Amino acid sequence: ERFTHSRAVTAFAGLDPRLQESGAYYGRTRISRTGSARLRSALYLPAVVAMTYNPAIKAQVERLRARGKKGKQTVCAAMRKLLSIAYGVLKSGKPFDPALAIAH
């Protein structure tokens, strides 16, 4: 009830993307890490396991690896997706449906 949408939860966890830029310099996009470090550390191993066994997160990881993303980037994306799924399940009160979570 504290958060209005899943983006607010990911910002609270510090998993929202932030572009590193200044003037004419355009750096890489990284996670902001301004949120809860304890929540990020608690999500790490569940996200690694979900990359193998959760069909929605597994499909996302395969898409990211096909685009050339590195290992830590895919784990952070899996952490964010897992947090969004958990928020959706808690907010709606309905059980998890992998068909709804897979982006088309």
Protein backbone atom coordinates (compact mmCIF):
# COMPACT_ATOMS: atom_id res chain seq x y z
CA GLU A 1 0.00 0.00 0.00
CA ARG A 2 2.99 2.28 0.46
CA PHE A 3 3.82 2.36 -3.26
CA THR A 4 1.53 3.43 -6.10
CA HIS A 5 3.20 1.38 -8.88
CA SER A 6 6.04 -1.06 -9.47
CA ARG A 7 8.43 1.67 -10.65
CA ALA A 8 8.25 3.22 -7.18
CA VAL A 9 9.23 -0.11 -5.64
CA THR A 10 12.20 -0.52 -7.97
CA ALA A 11 13.32 3.04 -7.17
CA PHE A 12 13.04 2.25 -3.45
CA ALA A 13 15.27 -0.78 -4.00
CA GLY A 14 17.75 1.24 -6.07
CA LEU A 15 17.27 -0.92 -9.15
CA ASP A 16 16.08 1.89 -11.42
CA PRO A 17 18.38 2.82 -14.33
CA ARG A 18 20.33 6.08 -14.19
CA LEU A 19 22.26 7.52 -17.11
CA GLN A 20 25.75 8.79 -16.24
CA GLU A 21 26.13 12.03 -18.19
CA SER A 22 27.58 15.49 -17.74
CA GLY A 23 27.64 18.16 -20.43
CA ALA A 24 28.82 16.55 -23.65
CA TYR A 25 29.84 13.32 -21.88
CA TYR A 26 27.44 10.43 -22.26
CA GLY A 27 28.42 7.52 -20.06
CA ARG A 28 26.88 4.14 -19.40
CA THR A 29 23.48 3.48 -17.91
CA ARG A 30 23.73 1.81 -14.51
CA ILE A 31 21.42 1.12 -11.59
CA SER A 32 21.06 4.09 -9.28
CA ARG A 33 21.93 2.23 -6.02
CA THR A 34 20.32 5.05 -4.03
CA GLY A 35 17.78 2.72 -2.44
CA SER A 36 17.87 -0.09 0.05
CA ALA A 37 21.10 -2.10 -0.14
CA ARG A 38 19.58 -4.76 2.11
CA LEU A 39 16.69 -5.28 -0.31
CA ARG A 40 19.07 -5.53 -3.28
CA SER A 41 21.23 -8.08 -1.47
CA ALA A 42 18.13 -10.06 -0.45
CA LEU A 43 16.97 -10.16 -4.10
CA TYR A 44 20.30 -11.31 -5.57
CA LEU A 45 20.16 -15.09 -5.02
CA PRO A 46 16.41 -15.40 -5.68
CA ALA A 47 16.99 -13.61 -8.99
CA VAL A 48 19.85 -15.97 -9.89
CA VAL A 49 17.61 -18.97 -9.20
CA ALA A 50 14.69 -17.35 -11.07
CA MET A 51 16.93 -16.93 -14.12
CA THR A 52 16.93 -20.72 -14.36
CA TYR A 53 13.45 -21.74 -13.21
CA ASN A 54 11.03 -18.82 -13.76
CA PRO A 55 9.85 -18.81 -17.41
CA ALA A 56 9.17 -15.06 -17.50
CA ILE A 57 12.57 -14.08 -16.13
CA LYS A 58 14.33 -16.78 -18.15
CA ALA A 59 12.85 -15.35 -21.38
CA GLN A 60 13.96 -11.85 -20.41
CA VAL A 61 17.50 -13.02 -19.64
CA GLU A 62 17.74 -14.82 -22.99
CA ARG A 63 16.64 -11.65 -24.80
CA LEU A 64 19.21 -9.56 -22.93
CA ARG A 65 22.04 -12.04 -23.58
CA ALA A 66 21.13 -12.06 -27.28
CA ARG A 67 21.57 -8.27 -27.25
CA GLY A 68 25.07 -8.70 -25.76
CA LYS A 69 24.44 -7.76 -22.14
CA LYS A 70 26.90 -8.93 -19.49
CA GLY A 71 26.19 -11.25 -16.57
CA LYS A 72 25.72 -8.63 -13.84
CA GLN A 73 23.42 -6.60 -16.08
CA THR A 74 21.18 -9.60 -16.65
CA VAL A 75 21.12 -10.39 -12.91
CA CYS A 76 20.13 -6.80 -12.09
CA ALA A 77 17.39 -6.95 -14.72
CA ALA A 78 16.19 -10.23 -13.23
CA MET A 79 16.18 -8.66 -9.75
CA ARG A 80 14.06 -5.79 -11.03
CA LYS A 81 11.65 -8.13 -12.85
CA LEU A 82 11.34 -10.35 -9.78
CA LEU A 83 10.56 -7.32 -7.62
CA SER A 84 7.93 -6.14 -10.12
CA ILE A 85 6.34 -9.59 -10.20
CA ALA A 86 6.23 -9.73 -6.39
CA TYR A 87 4.67 -6.27 -6.27
CA GLY A 88 2.02 -7.27 -8.84
CA VAL A 89 1.13 -10.45 -6.97
CA LEU A 90 0.84 -8.64 -3.63
CA LYS A 91 -1.09 -5.70 -5.08
CA SER A 92 -3.60 -7.76 -7.10
CA GLY A 93 -3.99 -10.64 -4.67
CA LYS A 94 -3.94 -13.11 -7.58
CA PRO A 95 -1.45 -15.96 -7.98
CA PHE A 96 1.51 -15.59 -10.35
CA ASP A 97 0.74 -16.31 -14.00
CA PRO A 98 3.86 -16.62 -16.19
CA ALA A 99 1.84 -15.96 -19.36
CA LEU A 100 1.02 -12.44 -18.12
CA ALA A 101 4.60 -11.70 -17.03
CA ILE A 102 6.28 -12.57 -20.35
CA ALA A 103 6.67 -9.50 -22.56
CA HIS A 104 5.74 -10.01 -26.19
